[in-house]
Amino acid sequence: MDNVLLSLSDWIEETIEKTVNKLVQMKLDELNAELWTREKVAERLGMSPGTFDKYYRNDKNFPKELPAVRWKKAEIIAWLNNK
């Protein structure tokens, strides 16, 4: 009986771990897929687009601009968290 309970416990733990990892990966994929415009980045930083251009857009530590003037949401959030 103990073997059955131990096996069941291991299976439940493994299933939960796989599910959580899958959910985390889905969220990361979602964050990386979303692109922000210059206006959205400025709004998130709490400033006007002009102020963003002047102080952050070309800062070497700021996430790099993608073609079509977009930034990855995940990179902006990571940059804000490391400030």
PDB file of N, CA and C in Angstrom:
ATOM      1  N   MET A   1       0.826  -1.196   0.000  1.00  0.00           N
ATOM      2  CA  MET A   1       0.000   0.000   0.000  1.00  0.00           C
ATOM      3  C   MET A   1       0.870   1.259   0.000  1.00  0.00           C
ATOM      4  N   ASP A   2       1.955   1.217   0.781  1.00  0.00           N
ATOM      5  CA  ASP A   2       2.852   2.370   0.829  1.00  0.00           C
ATOM      6  C   ASP A   2       3.469   2.651  -0.535  1.00  0.00           C
ATOM      7  N   ASN A   3       3.789   1.583  -1.263  1.00  0.00           N
ATOM      8  CA  ASN A   3       4.352   1.744  -2.604  1.00  0.00           C
ATOM      9  C   ASN A   3       3.375   2.451  -3.537  1.00  0.00           C
ATOM     10  N   VAL A   4       2.126   2.093  -3.447  1.00  0.00           N
ATOM     11  CA  VAL A   4       1.095   2.695  -4.296  1.00  0.00           C
ATOM     12  C   VAL A   4       0.955   4.179  -3.963  1.00  0.00           C
ATOM     13  N   LEU A   5       0.912   4.508  -2.695  1.00  0.00           N
ATOM     14  CA  LEU A   5       0.793   5.909  -2.280  1.00  0.00           C
ATOM     15  C   LEU A   5       2.020   6.716  -2.694  1.00  0.00           C
ATOM     16  N   LEU A   6       3.178   6.125  -2.563  1.00  0.00           N
ATOM     17  CA  LEU A   6       4.410   6.801  -2.961  1.00  0.00           C
ATOM     18  C   LEU A   6       4.429   7.039  -4.471  1.00  0.00           C
ATOM     19  N   SER A   7       4.026   6.037  -5.233  1.00  0.00           N
ATOM     20  CA  SER A   7       3.968   6.184  -6.691  1.00  0.00           C
ATOM     21  C   SER A   7       2.959   7.249  -7.091  1.00  0.00           C
ATOM     22  N   LEU A   8       1.811   7.241  -6.444  1.00  0.00           N
ATOM     23  CA  LEU A   8       0.780   8.240  -6.729  1.00  0.00           C
ATOM     24  C   LEU A   8       1.277   9.637  -6.377  1.00  0.00           C
ATOM     25  N   SER A   9       1.934   9.761  -5.258  1.00  0.00           N
ATOM     26  CA  SER A   9       2.491  11.048  -4.835  1.00  0.00           C
ATOM     27  C   SER A   9       3.525  11.553  -5.838  1.00  0.00           C
ATOM     28  N   ASP A  10       4.396  10.665  -6.281  1.00  0.00           N
ATOM     29  CA  ASP A  10       5.409  11.038  -7.278  1.00  0.00           C
ATOM     30  C   ASP A  10       4.754  11.473  -8.585  1.00  0.00           C
ATOM     31  N   TRP A  11       3.725  10.727  -9.010  1.00  0.00           N
ATOM     32  CA  TRP A  11       3.027  11.062 -10.251  1.00  0.00           C
ATOM     33  C   TRP A  11       2.364  12.438 -10.148  1.00  0.00           C
ATOM     34  N   ILE A  12       1.705  12.706  -9.027  1.00  0.00           N
ATOM     35  CA  ILE A  12       1.048  14.002  -8.821  1.00  0.00           C
ATOM     36  C   ILE A  12       2.078  15.123  -8.845  1.00  0.00           C
ATOM     37  N   GLU A  13       3.179  14.941  -8.140  1.00  0.00           N
ATOM     38  CA  GLU A  13       4.238  15.956  -8.107  1.00  0.00           C
ATOM     39  C   GLU A  13       4.797  16.214  -9.508  1.00  0.00           C
ATOM     40  N   GLU A  14       5.060  15.154 -10.248  1.00  0.00           N
ATOM     41  CA  GLU A  14       5.595  15.288 -11.608  1.00  0.00           C
ATOM     42  C   GLU A  14       4.594  15.995 -12.529  1.00  0.00           C
ATOM     43  N   THR A  15       3.332  15.649 -12.417  1.00  0.00           N
ATOM     44  CA  THR A  15       2.294  16.261 -13.246  1.00  0.00           C
ATOM     45  C   THR A  15       2.153  17.747 -12.939  1.00  0.00           C
ATOM     46  N   ILE A  16       2.170  18.092 -11.667  1.00  0.00           N
ATOM     47  CA  ILE A  16       2.075  19.501 -11.277  1.00  0.00           C
ATOM     48  C   ILE A  16       3.280  20.275 -11.788  1.00  0.00           C
ATOM     49  N   GLU A  17       4.466  19.720 -11.627  1.00  0.00           N
ATOM     50  CA  GLU A  17       5.687  20.388 -12.086  1.00  0.00           C
ATOM     51  C   GLU A  17       5.661  20.610 -13.601  1.00  0.00           C
ATOM     52  N   LYS A  18       5.274  19.595 -14.360  1.00  0.00           N
ATOM     53  CA  LYS A  18       5.190  19.735 -15.818  1.00  0.00           C
ATOM     54  C   LYS A  18       4.172  20.806 -16.214  1.00  0.00           C
ATOM     55  N   THR A  19       3.036  20.813 -15.539  1.00  0.00           N
ATOM     56  CA  THR A  19       1.984  21.781 -15.851  1.00  0.00           C
ATOM     57  C   THR A  19       2.433  23.199 -15.542  1.00  0.00           C
ATOM     58  N   VAL A  20       3.051  23.397 -14.394  1.00  0.00           N
ATOM     59  CA  VAL A  20       3.542  24.729 -14.021  1.00  0.00           C
ATOM     60  C   VAL A  20       4.608  25.193 -15.008  1.00  0.00           C
ATOM     61  N   ASN A  21       5.527  24.325 -15.359  1.00  0.00           N
ATOM     62  CA  ASN A  21       6.569  24.687 -16.329  1.00  0.00           C
ATOM     63  C   ASN A  21       5.964  25.065 -17.674  1.00  0.00           C
ATOM     64  N   LYS A  22       4.952  24.334 -18.101  1.00  0.00           N
ATOM     65  CA  LYS A  22       4.282  24.627 -19.363  1.00  0.00           C
ATOM     66  C   LYS A  22       3.591  25.998 -19.304  1.00  0.00           C
ATOM     67  N   LEU A  23       2.928  26.289 -18.189  1.00  0.00           N
ATOM     68  CA  LEU A  23       2.251  27.582 -18.023  1.00  0.00           C
ATOM     69  C   LEU A  23       3.250  28.739 -17.999  1.00  0.00           C
ATOM     70  N   VAL A  24       4.362  28.548 -17.315  1.00  0.00           N
ATOM     71  CA  VAL A  24       5.402  29.583 -17.269  1.00  0.00           C
ATOM     72  C   VAL A  24       5.952  29.833 -18.667  1.00  0.00           C
ATOM     73  N   GLN A  25       6.212  28.778 -19.416  1.00  0.00           N
ATOM     74  CA  GLN A  25       6.729  28.933 -20.780  1.00  0.00           C
ATOM     75  C   GLN A  25       5.719  29.647 -21.676  1.00  0.00           C
ATOM     76  N   MET A  26       4.442  29.335 -21.510  1.00  0.00           N
ATOM     77  CA  MET A  26       3.404  30.006 -22.298  1.00  0.00           C
ATOM     78  C   MET A  26       3.386  31.500 -21.992  1.00  0.00           C
ATOM     79  N   LYS A  27       3.517  31.855 -20.728  1.00  0.00           N
ATOM     80  CA  LYS A  27       3.520  33.268 -20.340  1.00  0.00           C
ATOM     81  C   LYS A  27       4.755  33.971 -20.900  1.00  0.00           C
ATOM     82  N   LEU A  28       5.904  33.323 -20.835  1.00  0.00           N
ATOM     83  CA  LEU A  28       7.124  33.904 -21.402  1.00  0.00           C
ATOM     84  C   LEU A  28       6.988  34.098 -22.910  1.00  0.00           C
ATOM     85  N   ASP A  29       6.421  33.121 -23.587  1.00  0.00           N
ATOM     86  CA  ASP A  29       6.202  33.244 -25.030  1.00  0.00           C
ATOM     87  C   ASP A  29       5.267  34.409 -25.338  1.00  0.00           C
ATOM     88  N   GLU A  30       4.238  34.560 -24.517  1.00  0.00           N
ATOM     89  CA  GLU A  30       3.290  35.669 -24.699  1.00  0.00           C
ATOM     90  C   GLU A  30       3.984  37.016 -24.509  1.00  0.00           C
ATOM     91  N   LEU A  31       4.799  37.128 -23.481  1.00  0.00           N
ATOM     92  CA  LEU A  31       5.513  38.381 -23.229  1.00  0.00           C
ATOM     93  C   LEU A  31       6.471  38.714 -24.364  1.00  0.00           C
ATOM     94  N   ASN A  32       7.171  37.708 -24.861  1.00  0.00           N
ATOM     95  CA  ASN A  32       8.128  37.938 -25.939  1.00  0.00           C
ATOM     96  C   ASN A  32       7.457  38.236 -27.270  1.00  0.00           C
ATOM     97  N   ALA A  33       6.228  37.804 -27.434  1.00  0.00           N
ATOM     98  CA  ALA A  33       5.525  38.021 -28.701  1.00  0.00           C
ATOM     99  C   ALA A  33       4.956  39.433 -28.797  1.00  0.00           C
ATOM    100  N   GLU A  34       4.636  40.039 -27.660  1.00  0.00           N
ATOM    101  CA  GLU A  34       4.012  41.358 -27.693  1.00  0.00           C
ATOM    102  C   GLU A  34       5.060  42.446 -27.912  1.00  0.00           C
ATOM    103  N   LEU A  35       4.788  43.297 -28.891  1.00  0.00           N
ATOM    104  CA  LEU A  35       5.684  44.410 -29.197  1.00  0.00           C
ATOM    105  C   LEU A  35       5.000  45.718 -28.836  1.00  0.00           C
ATOM    106  N   TRP A  36       5.773  46.652 -28.306  1.00  0.00           N
ATOM    107  CA  TRP A  36       5.243  47.956 -27.911  1.00  0.00           C
ATOM    108  C   TRP A  36       5.728  49.037 -28.865  1.00  0.00           C
ATOM    109  N   THR A  37       4.853  49.976 -29.131  1.00  0.00           N
ATOM    110  CA  THR A  37       5.212  51.149 -29.928  1.00  0.00           C
ATOM    111  C   THR A  37       5.988  52.127 -29.055  1.00  0.00           C
ATOM    112  N   ARG A  38       6.565  53.111 -29.689  1.00  0.00           N
ATOM    113  CA  ARG A  38       7.282  54.178 -28.980  1.00  0.00           C
ATOM    114  C   ARG A  38       6.348  54.844 -27.963  1.00  0.00           C
ATOM    115  N   GLU A  39       5.111  55.091 -28.368  1.00  0.00           N
ATOM    116  CA  GLU A  39       4.138  55.735 -27.476  1.00  0.00           C
ATOM    117  C   GLU A  39       3.810  54.856 -26.274  1.00  0.00           C
ATOM    118  N   LYS A  40       3.668  53.554 -26.489  1.00  0.00           N
ATOM    119  CA  LYS A  40       3.358  52.632 -25.393  1.00  0.00           C
ATOM    120  C   LYS A  40       4.530  52.533 -24.420  1.00  0.00           C
ATOM    121  N   VAL A  41       5.747  52.483 -24.947  1.00  0.00           N
ATOM    122  CA  VAL A  41       6.932  52.437 -24.080  1.00  0.00           C
ATOM    123  C   VAL A  41       6.993  53.705 -23.235  1.00  0.00           C
ATOM    124  N   ALA A  42       6.797  54.854 -23.869  1.00  0.00           N
ATOM    125  CA  ALA A  42       6.830  56.128 -23.139  1.00  0.00           C
ATOM    126  C   ALA A  42       5.748  56.160 -22.065  1.00  0.00           C
ATOM    127  N   GLU A  43       4.553  55.688 -22.410  1.00  0.00           N
ATOM    128  CA  GLU A  43       3.450  55.645 -21.437  1.00  0.00           C
ATOM    129  C   GLU A  43       3.819  54.764 -20.250  1.00  0.00           C
ATOM    130  N   ARG A  44       4.400  53.603 -20.530  1.00  0.00           N
ATOM    131  CA  ARG A  44       4.789  52.672 -19.463  1.00  0.00           C
ATOM    132  C   ARG A  44       5.871  53.269 -18.566  1.00  0.00           C
ATOM    133  N   LEU A  45       6.731  54.104 -19.157  1.00  0.00           N
ATOM    134  CA  LEU A  45       7.784  54.765 -18.384  1.00  0.00           C
ATOM    135  C   LEU A  45       7.274  56.023 -17.688  1.00  0.00           C
ATOM    136  N   GLY A  46       6.034  56.410 -17.985  1.00  0.00           N
ATOM    137  CA  GLY A  46       5.438  57.571 -17.335  1.00  0.00           C
ATOM    138  C   GLY A  46       5.966  58.893 -17.858  1.00  0.00           C
ATOM    139  N   MET A  47       6.177  58.969 -19.173  1.00  0.00           N
ATOM    140  CA  MET A  47       6.721  60.196 -19.762  1.00  0.00           C
ATOM    141  C   MET A  47       6.173  60.374 -21.170  1.00  0.00           C
ATOM    142  N   SER A  48       6.441  61.530 -21.726  1.00  0.00           N
ATOM    143  CA  SER A  48       6.012  61.794 -23.100  1.00  0.00           C
ATOM    144  C   SER A  48       6.942  61.070 -24.074  1.00  0.00           C
ATOM    145  N   PRO A  49       6.462  60.811 -25.297  1.00  0.00           N
ATOM    146  CA  PRO A  49       7.340  60.204 -26.300  1.00  0.00           C
ATOM    147  C   PRO A  49       8.597  61.037 -26.562  1.00  0.00           C
ATOM    148  N   GLY A  50       8.485  62.355 -26.522  1.00  0.00           N
ATOM    149  CA  GLY A  50       9.652  63.216 -26.726  1.00  0.00           C
ATOM    150  C   GLY A  50      10.700  63.042 -25.636  1.00  0.00           C
ATOM    151  N   THR A  51      10.248  62.946 -24.388  1.00  0.00           N
ATOM    152  CA  THR A  51      11.171  62.728 -23.270  1.00  0.00           C
ATOM    153  C   THR A  51      11.817  61.350 -23.381  1.00  0.00           C
ATOM    154  N   PHE A  52      11.037  60.358 -23.756  1.00  0.00           N
ATOM    155  CA  PHE A  52      11.584  59.015 -23.980  1.00  0.00           C
ATOM    156  C   PHE A  52      12.684  59.060 -25.035  1.00  0.00           C
ATOM    157  N   ASP A  53      12.410  59.733 -26.158  1.00  0.00           N
ATOM    158  CA  ASP A  53      13.410  59.847 -27.231  1.00  0.00           C
ATOM    159  C   ASP A  53      14.694  60.486 -26.717  1.00  0.00           C
ATOM    160  N   LYS A  54      14.538  61.535 -25.941  1.00  0.00           N
ATOM    161  CA  LYS A  54      15.692  62.316 -25.482  1.00  0.00           C
ATOM    162  C   LYS A  54      16.572  61.543 -24.495  1.00  0.00           C
ATOM    163  N   TYR A  55      15.947  60.823 -23.563  1.00  0.00           N
ATOM    164  CA  TYR A  55      16.726  60.234 -22.471  1.00  0.00           C
ATOM    165  C   TYR A  55      16.935  58.720 -22.542  1.00  0.00           C
ATOM    166  N   TYR A  56      16.075  57.985 -23.199  1.00  0.00           N
ATOM    167  CA  TYR A  56      16.159  56.526 -23.123  1.00  0.00           C
ATOM    168  C   TYR A  56      16.305  55.810 -24.456  1.00  0.00           C
ATOM    169  N   ARG A  57      15.684  56.294 -25.496  1.00  0.00           N
ATOM    170  CA  ARG A  57      15.612  55.564 -26.761  1.00  0.00           C
ATOM    171  C   ARG A  57      16.982  55.108 -27.266  1.00  0.00           C
ATOM    172  N   ASN A  58      17.983  55.955 -27.155  1.00  0.00           N
ATOM    173  CA  ASN A  58      19.317  55.607 -27.651  1.00  0.00           C
ATOM    174  C   ASN A  58      20.311  55.264 -26.544  1.00  0.00           C
ATOM    175  N   ASP A  59      19.822  55.125 -25.314  1.00  0.00           N
ATOM    176  CA  ASP A  59      20.684  54.745 -24.194  1.00  0.00           C
ATOM    177  C   ASP A  59      21.226  53.337 -24.443  1.00  0.00           C
ATOM    178  N   LYS A  60      22.534  53.153 -24.264  1.00  0.00           N
ATOM    179  CA  LYS A  60      23.155  51.853 -24.563  1.00  0.00           C
ATOM    180  C   LYS A  60      22.626  50.728 -23.676  1.00  0.00           C
ATOM    181  N   ASN A  61      22.087  51.053 -22.496  1.00  0.00           N
ATOM    182  CA  ASN A  61      21.566  50.029 -21.595  1.00  0.00           C
ATOM    183  C   ASN A  61      20.087  49.731 -21.816  1.00  0.00           C
ATOM    184  N   PHE A  62      19.432  50.541 -22.622  1.00  0.00           N
ATOM    185  CA  PHE A  62      18.005  50.356 -22.872  1.00  0.00           C
ATOM    186  C   PHE A  62      17.828  49.294 -23.959  1.00  0.00           C
ATOM    187  N   PRO A  63      16.756  48.475 -23.877  1.00  0.00           N
ATOM    188  CA  PRO A  63      16.534  47.464 -24.921  1.00  0.00           C
ATOM    189  C   PRO A  63      16.551  48.078 -26.319  1.00  0.00           C
ATOM    190  N   LYS A  64      17.104  47.325 -27.245  1.00  0.00           N
ATOM    191  CA  LYS A  64      17.260  47.823 -28.612  1.00  0.00           C
ATOM    192  C   LYS A  64      15.924  47.844 -29.352  1.00  0.00           C
ATOM    193  N   GLU A  65      15.763  48.876 -30.137  1.00  0.00           N
ATOM    194  CA  GLU A  65      14.571  49.055 -30.965  1.00  0.00           C
ATOM    195  C   GLU A  65      14.572  48.019 -32.090  1.00  0.00           C
ATOM    196  N   LEU A  66      13.417  47.437 -32.341  1.00  0.00           N
ATOM    197  CA  LEU A  66      13.264  46.480 -33.432  1.00  0.00           C
ATOM    198  C   LEU A  66      12.820  47.215 -34.694  1.00  0.00           C
ATOM    199  N   PRO A  67      12.879  46.554 -35.843  1.00  0.00           N
ATOM    200  CA  PRO A  67      12.357  47.193 -37.058  1.00  0.00           C
ATOM    201  C   PRO A  67      10.892  47.594 -36.849  1.00  0.00           C
ATOM    202  N   ALA A  68      10.461  48.584 -37.583  1.00  0.00           N
ATOM    203  CA  ALA A  68       9.096  49.122 -37.481  1.00  0.00           C
ATOM    204  C   ALA A  68       8.884  49.864 -36.165  1.00  0.00           C
ATOM    205  N   VAL A  69       9.966  50.302 -35.543  1.00  0.00           N
ATOM    206  CA  VAL A  69       9.934  51.086 -34.304  1.00  0.00           C
ATOM    207  C   VAL A  69       9.075  50.398 -33.245  1.00  0.00           C
ATOM    208  N   ARG A  70       9.516  49.209 -32.838  1.00  0.00           N
ATOM    209  CA  ARG A  70       8.839  48.445 -31.798  1.00  0.00           C
ATOM    210  C   ARG A  70       9.881  47.910 -30.822  1.00  0.00           C
ATOM    211  N   TRP A  71       9.419  47.632 -29.604  1.00  0.00           N
ATOM    212  CA  TRP A  71      10.263  47.040 -28.571  1.00  0.00           C
ATOM    213  C   TRP A  71       9.531  45.839 -28.000  1.00  0.00           C
ATOM    214  N   LYS A  72      10.304  44.840 -27.564  1.00  0.00           N
ATOM    215  CA  LYS A  72       9.688  43.681 -26.927  1.00  0.00           C
ATOM    216  C   LYS A  72       9.246  44.062 -25.520  1.00  0.00           C
ATOM    217  N   LYS A  73       7.992  43.770 -25.225  1.00  0.00           N
ATOM    218  CA  LYS A  73       7.423  44.059 -23.906  1.00  0.00           C
ATOM    219  C   LYS A  73       8.274  43.423 -22.804  1.00  0.00           C
ATOM    220  N   ALA A  74       8.664  42.169 -22.984  1.00  0.00           N
ATOM    221  CA  ALA A  74       9.439  41.461 -21.959  1.00  0.00           C
ATOM    222  C   ALA A  74      10.763  42.159 -21.675  1.00  0.00           C
ATOM    223  N   GLU A  75      11.406  42.694 -22.714  1.00  0.00           N
ATOM    224  CA  GLU A  75      12.690  43.377 -22.518  1.00  0.00           C
ATOM    225  C   GLU A  75      12.510  44.693 -21.770  1.00  0.00           C
ATOM    226  N   ILE A  76      11.431  45.409 -22.054  1.00  0.00           N
ATOM    227  CA  ILE A  76      11.160  46.667 -21.346  1.00  0.00           C
ATOM    228  C   ILE A  76      10.896  46.379 -19.872  1.00  0.00           C
ATOM    229  N   ILE A  77      10.074  45.375 -19.600  1.00  0.00           N
ATOM    230  CA  ILE A  77       9.760  45.026 -18.207  1.00  0.00           C
ATOM    231  C   ILE A  77      11.022  44.582 -17.470  1.00  0.00           C
ATOM    232  N   ALA A  78      11.859  43.775 -18.111  1.00  0.00           N
ATOM    233  CA  ALA A  78      13.115  43.340 -17.479  1.00  0.00           C
ATOM    234  C   ALA A  78      14.019  44.530 -17.202  1.00  0.00           C
ATOM    235  N   TRP A  79      14.099  45.458 -18.139  1.00  0.00           N
ATOM    236  CA  TRP A  79      14.925  46.656 -17.960  1.00  0.00           C
ATOM    237  C   TRP A  79      14.408  47.470 -16.778  1.00  0.00           C
ATOM    238  N   LEU A  80      13.094  47.652 -16.693  1.00  0.00           N
ATOM    239  CA  LEU A  80      12.516  48.403 -15.571  1.00  0.00           C
ATOM    240  C   LEU A  80      12.816  47.719 -14.237  1.00  0.00           C
ATOM    241  N   ASN A  81      12.745  46.408 -14.214  1.00  0.00           N
ATOM    242  CA  ASN A  81      13.001  45.664 -12.975  1.00  0.00           C
ATOM    243  C   ASN A  81      14.458  45.731 -12.538  1.00  0.00           C
ATOM    244  N   ASN A  82      15.360  45.984 -13.470  1.00  0.00           N
ATOM    245  CA  ASN A  82      16.787  46.053 -13.145  1.00  0.00           C
ATOM    246  C   ASN A  82      17.283  47.463 -12.904  1.00  0.00           C
ATOM    247  N   LYS A  83      16.424  48.454 -13.013  1.00  0.00           N
ATOM    248  CA  LYS A  83      16.822  49.850 -12.816  1.00  0.00           C
ATOM    249  C   LYS A  83      17.079  50.130 -11.365  1.00  0.00           C
TER     250      LYS A  83
END
